[in-house]
Amino acid sequence: VQLVESGGGLVQPGGSLRLSCAAYGFTFSGYDMSWYRRAPGKERALVATITGNGGSTNYADSVLGRFTISREDAKNTVFLQMNSLKPEDTAVYYCSVRMWSGVSFRNYWGQGTQVTVSS
């Protein structure tokens, strides 16, 4: 399993970014996919999840109405569209999938992509 995030960067408050996560090594369409973030000095926190069939999404209260998670199964890619960005959205953003490892259920993680919201 390999997850590769991209699309982070520096953006001004009120701006937008679109993160992408390319997945390799598993049957992408069959799994729920999630985005997490770790802000400076804080624990990693769930941002958004999309089900394997794309029919359902869930968001953290702090991003509801501003962020949109989506997926394109033909390209094994999940996206996070982030609008109306705030300084408190500054964090490293991680893509994740949870699956059976052969021993237990575990989360697999990408390397993360830095998002900095600052004027």
C-alpha atoms as a PDB file:
ATOM      1  CA  VAL A   1       0.000   0.000   0.000  1.00  0.00           C
ATOM      2  CA  GLN A   2       1.337   3.406  -0.973  1.00  0.00           C
ATOM      3  CA  LEU A   3      -0.325   6.805  -0.669  1.00  0.00           C
ATOM      4  CA  VAL A   4       1.219   9.917  -2.228  1.00  0.00           C
ATOM      5  CA  GLU A   5      -0.182  13.363  -1.391  1.00  0.00           C
ATOM      6  CA  SER A   6       0.372  16.526  -3.399  1.00  0.00           C
ATOM      7  CA  GLY A   7      -1.042  20.002  -3.786  1.00  0.00           C
ATOM      8  CA  GLY A   8      -0.032  21.690  -0.556  1.00  0.00           C
ATOM      9  CA  GLY A   9       1.541  25.124  -0.369  1.00  0.00           C
ATOM     10  CA  LEU A  10       1.304  28.643   0.967  1.00  0.00           C
ATOM     11  CA  VAL A  11      -1.997  30.460   0.521  1.00  0.00           C
ATOM     12  CA  GLN A  12      -3.497  33.655   1.893  1.00  0.00           C
ATOM     13  CA  PRO A  13      -6.503  33.595   4.229  1.00  0.00           C
ATOM     14  CA  GLY A  14      -9.684  33.204   2.213  1.00  0.00           C
ATOM     15  CA  GLY A  15      -7.863  31.359  -0.556  1.00  0.00           C
ATOM     16  CA  SER A  16      -8.257  27.836  -1.896  1.00  0.00           C
ATOM     17  CA  LEU A  17      -6.158  24.734  -2.426  1.00  0.00           C
ATOM     18  CA  ARG A  18      -6.875  21.311  -3.845  1.00  0.00           C
ATOM     19  CA  LEU A  19      -5.017  18.366  -2.366  1.00  0.00           C
ATOM     20  CA  SER A  20      -4.638  15.071  -4.218  1.00  0.00           C
ATOM     21  CA  CYS A  21      -3.733  11.628  -2.963  1.00  0.00           C
ATOM     22  CA  ALA A  22      -2.731   8.905  -5.419  1.00  0.00           C
ATOM     23  CA  ALA A  23      -3.144   5.347  -4.133  1.00  0.00           C
ATOM     24  CA  TYR A  24      -1.222   2.259  -5.135  1.00  0.00           C
ATOM     25  CA  GLY A  25      -1.157  -1.385  -4.205  1.00  0.00           C
ATOM     26  CA  PHE A  26      -4.781  -2.104  -3.315  1.00  0.00           C
ATOM     27  CA  THR A  27      -8.266  -2.146  -4.834  1.00  0.00           C
ATOM     28  CA  PHE A  28      -8.926   1.556  -4.328  1.00  0.00           C
ATOM     29  CA  SER A  29     -12.627   1.570  -5.176  1.00  0.00           C
ATOM     30  CA  GLY A  30     -13.453  -0.819  -2.360  1.00  0.00           C
ATOM     31  CA  TYR A  31     -12.178   1.287   0.518  1.00  0.00           C
ATOM     32  CA  ASP A  32     -13.215   4.337   2.460  1.00  0.00           C
ATOM     33  CA  MET A  33     -10.587   7.075   2.196  1.00  0.00           C
ATOM     34  CA  SER A  34      -9.822   9.807   4.693  1.00  0.00           C
ATOM     35  CA  TRP A  35      -7.885  13.030   5.083  1.00  0.00           C
ATOM     36  CA  TYR A  36      -6.300  13.899   8.408  1.00  0.00           C
ATOM     37  CA  ARG A  37      -4.227  16.862   9.498  1.00  0.00           C
ATOM     38  CA  ARG A  38      -1.677  17.617  12.188  1.00  0.00           C
ATOM     39  CA  ALA A  39      -1.396  21.243  13.197  1.00  0.00           C
ATOM     40  CA  PRO A  40       1.706  22.508  15.009  1.00  0.00           C
ATOM     41  CA  GLY A  41       1.661  21.304  18.606  1.00  0.00           C
ATOM     42  CA  LYS A  42      -1.528  19.272  18.167  1.00  0.00           C
ATOM     43  CA  GLU A  43      -2.520  15.654  17.640  1.00  0.00           C
ATOM     44  CA  ARG A  44      -3.390  14.361  14.188  1.00  0.00           C
ATOM     45  CA  ALA A  45      -7.122  14.871  13.611  1.00  0.00           C
ATOM     46  CA  LEU A  46      -9.656  13.520  11.146  1.00  0.00           C
ATOM     47  CA  VAL A  47     -10.742  16.089   8.558  1.00  0.00           C
ATOM     48  CA  ALA A  48     -12.977  14.193   6.129  1.00  0.00           C
ATOM     49  CA  THR A  49     -13.930  10.689   4.991  1.00  0.00           C
ATOM     50  CA  ILE A  50     -15.535   9.367   1.815  1.00  0.00           C
ATOM     51  CA  THR A  51     -16.995   5.873   1.518  1.00  0.00           C
ATOM     52  CA  GLY A  52     -15.765   3.300  -0.975  1.00  0.00           C
ATOM     53  CA  ASN A  53     -18.657   3.880  -3.329  1.00  0.00           C
ATOM     54  CA  GLY A  54     -18.425   7.643  -2.929  1.00  0.00           C
ATOM     55  CA  GLY A  55     -21.986   7.774  -1.717  1.00  0.00           C
ATOM     56  CA  SER A  56     -21.333   9.224   1.709  1.00  0.00           C
ATOM     57  CA  THR A  57     -19.003  11.829   3.155  1.00  0.00           C
ATOM     58  CA  ASN A  58     -18.292  13.072   6.659  1.00  0.00           C
ATOM     59  CA  TYR A  59     -16.461  16.170   7.842  1.00  0.00           C
ATOM     60  CA  ALA A  60     -15.010  17.591  10.998  1.00  0.00           C
ATOM     61  CA  ASP A  61     -17.136  20.461  12.297  1.00  0.00           C
ATOM     62  CA  SER A  62     -14.243  22.865  11.811  1.00  0.00           C
ATOM     63  CA  VAL A  63     -14.191  22.367   8.020  1.00  0.00           C
ATOM     64  CA  LEU A  64     -17.869  21.689   7.279  1.00  0.00           C
ATOM     65  CA  GLY A  65     -19.081  23.888   4.465  1.00  0.00           C
ATOM     66  CA  ARG A  66     -15.557  24.882   3.410  1.00  0.00           C
ATOM     67  CA  PHE A  67     -13.875  21.596   2.471  1.00  0.00           C
ATOM     68  CA  THR A  68     -15.088  18.935   0.035  1.00  0.00           C
ATOM     69  CA  ILE A  69     -13.719  15.401  -0.236  1.00  0.00           C
ATOM     70  CA  SER A  70     -14.168  13.512  -3.491  1.00  0.00           C
ATOM     71  CA  ARG A  71     -12.676  10.569  -5.327  1.00  0.00           C
ATOM     72  CA  GLU A  72     -11.981   9.420  -8.867  1.00  0.00           C
ATOM     73  CA  ASP A  73     -11.759   5.644  -8.775  1.00  0.00           C
ATOM     74  CA  ALA A  74     -10.598   5.390 -12.397  1.00  0.00           C
ATOM     75  CA  LYS A  75      -7.446   7.249 -11.338  1.00  0.00           C
ATOM     76  CA  ASN A  76      -7.126   5.746  -7.842  1.00  0.00           C
ATOM     77  CA  THR A  77      -7.141   9.260  -6.448  1.00  0.00           C
ATOM     78  CA  VAL A  78      -8.890  11.067  -3.617  1.00  0.00           C
ATOM     79  CA  PHE A  79      -9.111  14.853  -3.429  1.00  0.00           C
ATOM     80  CA  LEU A  80      -9.657  17.496  -0.783  1.00  0.00           C
ATOM     81  CA  GLN A  81     -10.917  20.817  -2.088  1.00  0.00           C
ATOM     82  CA  MET A  82     -10.279  23.467   0.556  1.00  0.00           C
ATOM     83  CA  ASN A  83     -11.988  26.856   0.243  1.00  0.00           C
ATOM     84  CA  SER A  84     -12.167  29.892   2.510  1.00  0.00           C
ATOM     85  CA  LEU A  85      -8.960  28.830   4.169  1.00  0.00           C
ATOM     86  CA  LYS A  86      -8.130  30.174   7.612  1.00  0.00           C
ATOM     87  CA  PRO A  87      -4.801  30.442   9.450  1.00  0.00           C
ATOM     88  CA  GLU A  88      -6.011  27.666  11.781  1.00  0.00           C
ATOM     89  CA  ASP A  89      -6.126  25.313   8.787  1.00  0.00           C
ATOM     90  CA  THR A  90      -2.325  25.409   8.716  1.00  0.00           C
ATOM     91  CA  ALA A  91      -1.159  21.824   9.136  1.00  0.00           C
ATOM     92  CA  VAL A  92       0.418  18.836   7.477  1.00  0.00           C
ATOM     93  CA  TYR A  93      -2.368  17.006   5.646  1.00  0.00           C
ATOM     94  CA  TYR A  94      -2.298  13.223   5.355  1.00  0.00           C
ATOM     95  CA  CYS A  95      -4.245  10.792   3.235  1.00  0.00           C
ATOM     96  CA  SER A  96      -5.183   7.509   4.919  1.00  0.00           C
ATOM     97  CA  VAL A  97      -6.842   4.166   4.295  1.00  0.00           C
ATOM     98  CA  ARG A  98      -7.750   1.582   6.930  1.00  0.00           C
ATOM     99  CA  MET A  99      -7.543  -2.064   6.038  1.00  0.00           C
ATOM    100  CA  TRP A 100      -6.626  -5.533   7.234  1.00  0.00           C
ATOM    101  CA  SER A 101      -2.836  -5.948   7.281  1.00  0.00           C
ATOM    102  CA  GLY A 102      -2.914  -9.717   7.656  1.00  0.00           C
ATOM    103  CA  VAL A 103      -2.489  -9.410  11.410  1.00  0.00           C
ATOM    104  CA  SER A 104      -4.846  -6.599  12.396  1.00  0.00           C
ATOM    105  CA  PHE A 105      -6.715  -3.621  11.041  1.00  0.00           C
ATOM    106  CA  ARG A 106      -4.438  -0.645  10.680  1.00  0.00           C
ATOM    107  CA  ASN A 107      -4.264   2.763   9.027  1.00  0.00           C
ATOM    108  CA  TYR A 108      -1.859   3.308   6.177  1.00  0.00           C
ATOM    109  CA  TRP A 109      -0.539   6.859   5.705  1.00  0.00           C
ATOM    110  CA  GLY A 110       1.029   9.003   3.048  1.00  0.00           C
ATOM    111  CA  GLN A 111       4.044  11.212   3.703  1.00  0.00           C
ATOM    112  CA  GLY A 112       1.889  14.293   4.125  1.00  0.00           C
ATOM    113  CA  THR A 113       1.724  17.650   2.377  1.00  0.00           C
ATOM    114  CA  GLN A 114       2.201  20.991   4.131  1.00  0.00           C
ATOM    115  CA  VAL A 115      -0.561  23.592   3.953  1.00  0.00           C
ATOM    116  CA  THR A 116       0.263  27.039   5.303  1.00  0.00           C
ATOM    117  CA  VAL A 117      -2.390  29.758   5.466  1.00  0.00           C
ATOM    118  CA  SER A 118      -0.818  33.127   6.112  1.00  0.00           C
ATOM    119  CA  SER A 119      -0.804  36.665   4.835  1.00  0.00           C
END
